[in-house]
Amino acid sequence: MREIGQNLNGAKERVKKLLGIPVLIKVNSGRGKSAIFRGEVAAVFPAVFTVRLDSGETKTFSYADVHTRGVLFLKPED
């Protein structure tokens, strides 16, 4: 059986390492739909983190989204 808390802490640490680094973010919306955004992790909080997109928009995600692979971080290709 998985230890959920342990893996969520791992997701938090991975997101903290990306703070301020440009990334591509693939968001799985369900039913085979996904969207890709370019931006950077702007802030980390105890339960969520925010991403500032290149368009100026801010999106908020939970660490559970990262843990369940609903949000994937990709290396940007220039």
PDB file of N, CA and C in Angstrom:
ATOM      1  N   MET A   1       0.835  -1.184   0.000  1.00  0.00           N
ATOM      2  CA  MET A   1       0.000   0.000   0.000  1.00  0.00           C
ATOM      3  C   MET A   1       0.882   1.250   0.000  1.00  0.00           C
ATOM      4  N   ARG A   2       0.450   2.259  -0.738  1.00  0.00           N
ATOM      5  CA  ARG A   2       1.226   3.498  -0.843  1.00  0.00           C
ATOM      6  C   ARG A   2       1.092   4.351   0.405  1.00  0.00           C
ATOM      7  N   GLU A   3       2.149   5.094   0.683  1.00  0.00           N
ATOM      8  CA  GLU A   3       2.089   6.084   1.753  1.00  0.00           C
ATOM      9  C   GLU A   3       1.832   7.429   1.089  1.00  0.00           C
ATOM     10  N   ILE A   4       0.583   7.870   1.143  1.00  0.00           N
ATOM     11  CA  ILE A   4       0.179   9.077   0.421  1.00  0.00           C
ATOM     12  C   ILE A   4       0.953  10.310   0.898  1.00  0.00           C
ATOM     13  N   GLY A   5       1.061  10.501   2.189  1.00  0.00           N
ATOM     14  CA  GLY A   5       1.746  11.676   2.722  1.00  0.00           C
ATOM     15  C   GLY A   5       3.180  11.782   2.242  1.00  0.00           C
ATOM     16  N   GLN A   6       3.856  10.646   2.183  1.00  0.00           N
ATOM     17  CA  GLN A   6       5.245  10.631   1.738  1.00  0.00           C
ATOM     18  C   GLN A   6       5.359  11.121   0.300  1.00  0.00           C
ATOM     19  N   ASN A   7       4.467  10.650  -0.569  1.00  0.00           N
ATOM     20  CA  ASN A   7       4.545  11.034  -1.972  1.00  0.00           C
ATOM     21  C   ASN A   7       4.128  12.489  -2.183  1.00  0.00           C
ATOM     22  N   LEU A   8       3.171  12.976  -1.403  1.00  0.00           N
ATOM     23  CA  LEU A   8       2.788  14.390  -1.511  1.00  0.00           C
ATOM     24  C   LEU A   8       3.945  15.283  -1.088  1.00  0.00           C
ATOM     25  N   ASN A   9       4.678  14.866  -0.074  1.00  0.00           N
ATOM     26  CA  ASN A   9       5.851  15.647   0.324  1.00  0.00           C
ATOM     27  C   ASN A   9       6.891  15.650  -0.786  1.00  0.00           C
ATOM     28  N   GLY A  10       7.020  14.541  -1.489  1.00  0.00           N
ATOM     29  CA  GLY A  10       7.938  14.485  -2.629  1.00  0.00           C
ATOM     30  C   GLY A  10       7.500  15.427  -3.739  1.00  0.00           C
ATOM     31  N   ALA A  11       6.189  15.494  -3.983  1.00  0.00           N
ATOM     32  CA  ALA A  11       5.663  16.406  -5.001  1.00  0.00           C
ATOM     33  C   ALA A  11       5.937  17.853  -4.605  1.00  0.00           C
ATOM     34  N   LYS A  12       5.769  18.172  -3.331  1.00  0.00           N
ATOM     35  CA  LYS A  12       6.049  19.534  -2.856  1.00  0.00           C
ATOM     36  C   LYS A  12       7.506  19.894  -3.085  1.00  0.00           C
ATOM     37  N   GLU A  13       8.403  18.963  -2.787  1.00  0.00           N
ATOM     38  CA  GLU A  13       9.832  19.228  -2.955  1.00  0.00           C
ATOM     39  C   GLU A  13      10.181  19.433  -4.431  1.00  0.00           C
ATOM     40  N   ARG A  14       9.579  18.627  -5.318  1.00  0.00           N
ATOM     41  CA  ARG A  14       9.837  18.788  -6.757  1.00  0.00           C
ATOM     42  C   ARG A  14       9.384  20.155  -7.238  1.00  0.00           C
ATOM     43  N   VAL A  15       8.220  20.616  -6.770  1.00  0.00           N
ATOM     44  CA  VAL A  15       7.703  21.920  -7.192  1.00  0.00           C
ATOM     45  C   VAL A  15       8.578  23.036  -6.638  1.00  0.00           C
ATOM     46  N   LYS A  16       9.023  22.909  -5.393  1.00  0.00           N
ATOM     47  CA  LYS A  16       9.884  23.930  -4.793  1.00  0.00           C
ATOM     48  C   LYS A  16      11.183  24.098  -5.579  1.00  0.00           C
ATOM     49  N   LYS A  17      11.702  22.996  -6.125  1.00  0.00           N
ATOM     50  CA  LYS A  17      12.938  23.072  -6.910  1.00  0.00           C
ATOM     51  C   LYS A  17      12.732  23.824  -8.224  1.00  0.00           C
ATOM     52  N   LEU A  18      11.489  23.893  -8.707  1.00  0.00           N
ATOM     53  CA  LEU A  18      11.185  24.567  -9.971  1.00  0.00           C
ATOM     54  C   LEU A  18      10.828  26.041  -9.793  1.00  0.00           C
ATOM     55  N   LEU A  19      10.846  26.530  -8.575  1.00  0.00           N
ATOM     56  CA  LEU A  19      10.469  27.909  -8.287  1.00  0.00           C
ATOM     57  C   LEU A  19      11.325  28.882  -9.095  1.00  0.00           C
ATOM     58  N   GLY A  20      10.676  29.669  -9.967  1.00  0.00           N
ATOM     59  CA  GLY A  20      11.361  30.685 -10.754  1.00  0.00           C
ATOM     60  C   GLY A  20      12.021  30.190 -12.024  1.00  0.00           C
ATOM     61  N   ILE A  21      11.908  28.905 -12.336  1.00  0.00           N
ATOM     62  CA  ILE A  21      12.531  28.345 -13.532  1.00  0.00           C
ATOM     63  C   ILE A  21      11.480  28.229 -14.635  1.00  0.00           C
ATOM     64  N   PRO A  22      11.775  28.667 -15.859  1.00  0.00           N
ATOM     65  CA  PRO A  22      10.809  28.529 -16.959  1.00  0.00           C
ATOM     66  C   PRO A  22      10.534  27.052 -17.275  1.00  0.00           C
ATOM     67  N   VAL A  23       9.253  26.707 -17.377  1.00  0.00           N
ATOM     68  CA  VAL A  23       8.849  25.328 -17.666  1.00  0.00           C
ATOM     69  C   VAL A  23       7.648  25.323 -18.602  1.00  0.00           C
ATOM     70  N   LEU A  24       7.437  24.183 -19.237  1.00  0.00           N
ATOM     71  CA  LEU A  24       6.195  23.905 -19.945  1.00  0.00           C
ATOM     72  C   LEU A  24       5.347  23.071 -19.004  1.00  0.00           C
ATOM     73  N   ILE A  25       4.070  23.392 -18.907  1.00  0.00           N
ATOM     74  CA  ILE A  25       3.178  22.692 -17.996  1.00  0.00           C
ATOM     75  C   ILE A  25       2.068  22.054 -18.812  1.00  0.00           C
ATOM     76  N   LYS A  26       1.956  20.748 -18.707  1.00  0.00           N
ATOM     77  CA  LYS A  26       0.881  20.030 -19.388  1.00  0.00           C
ATOM     78  C   LYS A  26      -0.172  19.695 -18.352  1.00  0.00           C
ATOM     79  N   VAL A  27      -1.393  20.202 -18.563  1.00  0.00           N
ATOM     80  CA  VAL A  27      -2.490  19.999 -17.628  1.00  0.00           C
ATOM     81  C   VAL A  27      -3.486  19.041 -18.266  1.00  0.00           C
ATOM     82  N   ASN A  28      -3.719  17.917 -17.607  1.00  0.00           N
ATOM     83  CA  ASN A  28      -4.670  16.928 -18.083  1.00  0.00           C
ATOM     84  C   ASN A  28      -6.047  17.314 -17.560  1.00  0.00           C
ATOM     85  N   SER A  29      -6.979  17.629 -18.470  1.00  0.00           N
ATOM     86  CA  SER A  29      -8.319  18.065 -18.088  1.00  0.00           C
ATOM     87  C   SER A  29      -9.316  16.920 -18.022  1.00  0.00           C
ATOM     88  N   GLY A  30      -8.904  15.717 -18.318  1.00  0.00           N
ATOM     89  CA  GLY A  30      -9.793  14.567 -18.292  1.00  0.00           C
ATOM     90  C   GLY A  30     -10.401  14.291 -19.644  1.00  0.00           C
ATOM     91  N   ARG A  31     -10.899  13.068 -19.815  1.00  0.00           N
ATOM     92  CA  ARG A  31     -11.516  12.628 -21.071  1.00  0.00           C
ATOM     93  C   ARG A  31     -10.628  12.864 -22.277  1.00  0.00           C
ATOM     94  N   GLY A  32      -9.330  12.671 -22.098  1.00  0.00           N
ATOM     95  CA  GLY A  32      -8.399  12.804 -23.203  1.00  0.00           C
ATOM     96  C   GLY A  32      -8.044  14.226 -23.581  1.00  0.00           C
ATOM     97  N   LYS A  33      -8.506  15.199 -22.802  1.00  0.00           N
ATOM     98  CA  LYS A  33      -8.215  16.598 -23.101  1.00  0.00           C
ATOM     99  C   LYS A  33      -7.037  17.069 -22.255  1.00  0.00           C
ATOM    100  N   SER A  34      -6.172  17.837 -22.887  1.00  0.00           N
ATOM    101  CA  SER A  34      -5.053  18.414 -22.147  1.00  0.00           C
ATOM    102  C   SER A  34      -4.678  19.745 -22.782  1.00  0.00           C
ATOM    103  N   ALA A  35      -3.983  20.549 -22.005  1.00  0.00           N
ATOM    104  CA  ALA A  35      -3.519  21.855 -22.477  1.00  0.00           C
ATOM    105  C   ALA A  35      -2.073  22.026 -22.040  1.00  0.00           C
ATOM    106  N   ILE A  36      -1.309  22.731 -22.850  1.00  0.00           N
ATOM    107  CA  ILE A  36       0.093  22.995 -22.527  1.00  0.00           C
ATOM    108  C   ILE A  36       0.276  24.501 -22.380  1.00  0.00           C
ATOM    109  N   PHE A  37       0.908  24.878 -21.280  1.00  0.00           N
ATOM    110  CA  PHE A  37       1.157  26.286 -20.977  1.00  0.00           C
ATOM    111  C   PHE A  37       2.646  26.490 -20.781  1.00  0.00           C
ATOM    112  N   ARG A  38       3.111  27.699 -21.091  1.00  0.00           N
ATOM    113  CA  ARG A  38       4.505  28.082 -20.846  1.00  0.00           C
ATOM    114  C   ARG A  38       4.499  29.126 -19.735  1.00  0.00           C
ATOM    115  N   GLY A  39       5.327  28.922 -18.734  1.00  0.00           N
ATOM    116  CA  GLY A  39       5.388  29.868 -17.624  1.00  0.00           C
ATOM    117  C   GLY A  39       6.430  29.448 -16.613  1.00  0.00           C
ATOM    118  N   GLU A  40       6.245  29.907 -15.377  1.00  0.00           N
ATOM    119  CA  GLU A  40       7.157  29.534 -14.294  1.00  0.00           C
ATOM    120  C   GLU A  40       6.392  29.460 -12.993  1.00  0.00           C
ATOM    121  N   VAL A  41       6.884  28.631 -12.085  1.00  0.00           N
ATOM    122  CA  VAL A  41       6.273  28.518 -10.760  1.00  0.00           C
ATOM    123  C   VAL A  41       6.559  29.822 -10.022  1.00  0.00           C
ATOM    124  N   ALA A  42       5.501  30.531  -9.663  1.00  0.00           N
ATOM    125  CA  ALA A  42       5.664  31.854  -9.064  1.00  0.00           C
ATOM    126  C   ALA A  42       5.741  31.804  -7.546  1.00  0.00           C
ATOM    127  N   ALA A  43       4.942  30.924  -6.925  1.00  0.00           N
ATOM    128  CA  ALA A  43       4.903  30.863  -5.461  1.00  0.00           C
ATOM    129  C   ALA A  43       4.460  29.485  -5.017  1.00  0.00           C
ATOM    130  N   VAL A  44       4.970  29.068  -3.860  1.00  0.00           N
ATOM    131  CA  VAL A  44       4.548  27.800  -3.268  1.00  0.00           C
ATOM    132  C   VAL A  44       3.938  28.083  -1.899  1.00  0.00           C
ATOM    133  N   PHE A  45       2.856  27.404  -1.609  1.00  0.00           N
ATOM    134  CA  PHE A  45       2.135  27.530  -0.347  1.00  0.00           C
ATOM    135  C   PHE A  45       1.980  26.137   0.241  1.00  0.00           C
ATOM    136  N   PRO A  46       1.507  26.006   1.477  1.00  0.00           N
ATOM    137  CA  PRO A  46       1.394  24.674   2.092  1.00  0.00           C
ATOM    138  C   PRO A  46       0.515  23.684   1.324  1.00  0.00           C
ATOM    139  N   ALA A  47      -0.560  24.116   0.687  1.00  0.00           N
ATOM    140  CA  ALA A  47      -1.464  23.186   0.018  1.00  0.00           C
ATOM    141  C   ALA A  47      -1.495  23.344  -1.501  1.00  0.00           C
ATOM    142  N   VAL A  48      -1.082  24.495  -2.016  1.00  0.00           N
ATOM    143  CA  VAL A  48      -1.147  24.765  -3.458  1.00  0.00           C
ATOM    144  C   VAL A  48       0.095  25.517  -3.910  1.00  0.00           C
ATOM    145  N   PHE A  49       0.254  25.616  -5.237  1.00  0.00           N
ATOM    146  CA  PHE A  49       1.301  26.455  -5.812  1.00  0.00           C
ATOM    147  C   PHE A  49       0.705  27.211  -6.995  1.00  0.00           C
ATOM    148  N   THR A  50       1.293  28.354  -7.305  1.00  0.00           N
ATOM    149  CA  THR A  50       0.795  29.163  -8.407  1.00  0.00           C
ATOM    150  C   THR A  50       1.826  29.195  -9.531  1.00  0.00           C
ATOM    151  N   VAL A  51       1.306  29.272 -10.736  1.00  0.00           N
ATOM    152  CA  VAL A  51       2.137  29.334 -11.933  1.00  0.00           C
ATOM    153  C   VAL A  51       1.771  30.600 -12.683  1.00  0.00           C
ATOM    154  N   ARG A  52       2.760  31.428 -12.986  1.00  0.00           N
ATOM    155  CA  ARG A  52       2.549  32.637 -13.775  1.00  0.00           C
ATOM    156  C   ARG A  52       2.871  32.295 -15.220  1.00  0.00           C
ATOM    157  N   LEU A  53       1.865  32.372 -16.067  1.00  0.00           N
ATOM    158  CA  LEU A  53       2.039  32.045 -17.476  1.00  0.00           C
ATOM    159  C   LEU A  53       2.689  33.204 -18.210  1.00  0.00           C
ATOM    160  N   ASP A  54       3.266  32.933 -19.350  1.00  0.00           N
ATOM    161  CA  ASP A  54       3.901  33.976 -20.157  1.00  0.00           C
ATOM    162  C   ASP A  54       2.892  35.024 -20.600  1.00  0.00           C
ATOM    163  N   SER A  55       1.609  34.636 -20.680  1.00  0.00           N
ATOM    164  CA  SER A  55       0.556  35.585 -21.073  1.00  0.00           C
ATOM    165  C   SER A  55       0.180  36.533 -19.938  1.00  0.00           C
ATOM    166  N   GLY A  56       0.734  36.314 -18.733  1.00  0.00           N
ATOM    167  CA  GLY A  56       0.434  37.166 -17.584  1.00  0.00           C
ATOM    168  C   GLY A  56      -0.622  36.574 -16.672  1.00  0.00           C
ATOM    169  N   GLU A  57      -1.307  35.536 -17.129  1.00  0.00           N
ATOM    170  CA  GLU A  57      -2.348  34.884 -16.329  1.00  0.00           C
ATOM    171  C   GLU A  57      -1.698  34.042 -15.234  1.00  0.00           C
ATOM    172  N   THR A  58      -2.398  33.898 -14.106  1.00  0.00           N
ATOM    173  CA  THR A  58      -1.923  33.070 -13.009  1.00  0.00           C
ATOM    174  C   THR A  58      -2.866  31.894 -12.823  1.00  0.00           C
ATOM    175  N   LYS A  59      -2.293  30.696 -12.704  1.00  0.00           N
ATOM    176  CA  LYS A  59      -3.082  29.490 -12.466  1.00  0.00           C
ATOM    177  C   LYS A  59      -2.615  28.864 -11.165  1.00  0.00           C
ATOM    178  N   THR A  60      -3.551  28.240 -10.457  1.00  0.00           N
ATOM    179  CA  THR A  60      -3.258  27.604  -9.183  1.00  0.00           C
ATOM    180  C   THR A  60      -3.514  26.106  -9.288  1.00  0.00           C
ATOM    181  N   PHE A  61      -2.587  25.324  -8.737  1.00  0.00           N
ATOM    182  CA  PHE A  61      -2.700  23.870  -8.745  1.00  0.00           C
ATOM    183  C   PHE A  61      -2.359  23.334  -7.364  1.00  0.00           C
ATOM    184  N   SER A  62      -2.863  22.144  -7.061  1.00  0.00           N
ATOM    185  CA  SER A  62      -2.523  21.497  -5.802  1.00  0.00           C
ATOM    186  C   SER A  62      -1.389  20.505  -6.034  1.00  0.00           C
ATOM    187  N   TYR A  63      -0.718  20.113  -4.959  1.00  0.00           N
ATOM    188  CA  TYR A  63       0.347  19.128  -5.068  1.00  0.00           C
ATOM    189  C   TYR A  63      -0.222  17.765  -5.422  1.00  0.00           C
ATOM    190  N   ALA A  64      -1.478  17.516  -5.091  1.00  0.00           N
ATOM    191  CA  ALA A  64      -2.131  16.260  -5.474  1.00  0.00           C
ATOM    192  C   ALA A  64      -2.238  16.160  -6.990  1.00  0.00           C
ATOM    193  N   ASP A  65      -2.398  17.294  -7.684  1.00  0.00           N
ATOM    194  CA  ASP A  65      -2.424  17.293  -9.150  1.00  0.00           C
ATOM    195  C   ASP A  65      -1.086  16.786  -9.706  1.00  0.00           C
ATOM    196  N   VAL A  66       0.001  17.170  -9.079  1.00  0.00           N
ATOM    197  CA  VAL A  66       1.323  16.726  -9.514  1.00  0.00           C
ATOM    198  C   VAL A  66       1.490  15.240  -9.184  1.00  0.00           C
ATOM    199  N   HIS A  67       1.042  14.853  -8.003  1.00  0.00           N
ATOM    200  CA  HIS A  67       1.177  13.471  -7.543  1.00  0.00           C
ATOM    201  C   HIS A  67       0.405  12.502  -8.436  1.00  0.00           C
ATOM    202  N   THR A  68      -0.785  12.889  -8.872  1.00  0.00           N
ATOM    203  CA  THR A  68      -1.622  12.021  -9.697  1.00  0.00           C
ATOM    204  C   THR A  68      -1.349  12.209 -11.187  1.00  0.00           C
ATOM    205  N   ARG A  69      -0.361  13.013 -11.534  1.00  0.00           N
ATOM    206  CA  ARG A  69       0.047  13.294 -12.908  1.00  0.00           C
ATOM    207  C   ARG A  69      -1.023  14.042 -13.701  1.00  0.00           C
ATOM    208  N   GLY A  70      -1.852  14.797 -12.997  1.00  0.00           N
ATOM    209  CA  GLY A  70      -2.788  15.694 -13.660  1.00  0.00           C
ATOM    210  C   GLY A  70      -2.069  16.926 -14.176  1.00  0.00           C
ATOM    211  N   VAL A  71      -0.936  17.230 -13.553  1.00  0.00           N
ATOM    212  CA  VAL A  71      -0.071  18.337 -13.980  1.00  0.00           C
ATOM    213  C   VAL A  71       1.330  17.766 -14.164  1.00  0.00           C
ATOM    214  N   LEU A  72       1.870  17.935 -15.359  1.00  0.00           N
ATOM    215  CA  LEU A  72       3.222  17.468 -15.662  1.00  0.00           C
ATOM    216  C   LEU A  72       4.094  18.665 -16.013  1.00  0.00           C
ATOM    217  N   PHE A  73       5.325  18.645 -15.534  1.00  0.00           N
ATOM    218  CA  PHE A  73       6.285  19.690 -15.869  1.00  0.00           C
ATOM    219  C   PHE A  73       7.208  19.153 -16.961  1.00  0.00           C
ATOM    220  N   LEU A  74       7.310  19.905 -18.045  1.00  0.00           N
ATOM    221  CA  LEU A  74       8.150  19.515 -19.175  1.00  0.00           C
ATOM    222  C   LEU A  74       9.256  20.536 -19.360  1.00  0.00           C
ATOM    223  N   LYS A  75      10.346  20.095 -19.911  1.00  0.00           N
ATOM    224  CA  LYS A  75      11.465  20.996 -20.178  1.00  0.00           C
ATOM    225  C   LYS A  75      11.133  21.816 -21.421  1.00  0.00           C
ATOM    226  N   PRO A  76      11.205  23.143 -21.321  1.00  0.00           N
ATOM    227  CA  PRO A  76      10.878  23.966 -22.494  1.00  0.00           C
ATOM    228  C   PRO A  76      11.936  23.822 -23.577  1.00  0.00           C
ATOM    229  N   GLU A  77      11.464  23.768 -24.818  1.00  0.00           N
ATOM    230  CA  GLU A  77      12.371  23.717 -25.956  1.00  0.00           C
ATOM    231  C   GLU A  77      12.407  25.093 -26.597  1.00  0.00           C
ATOM    232  N   ASP A  78      13.581  25.653 -26.715  1.00  0.00           N
ATOM    233  CA  ASP A  78      13.692  27.006 -27.284  1.00  0.00           C
ATOM    234  C   ASP A  78      13.865  26.984 -28.762  1.00  0.00           C
TER     235      ASP A  78
END
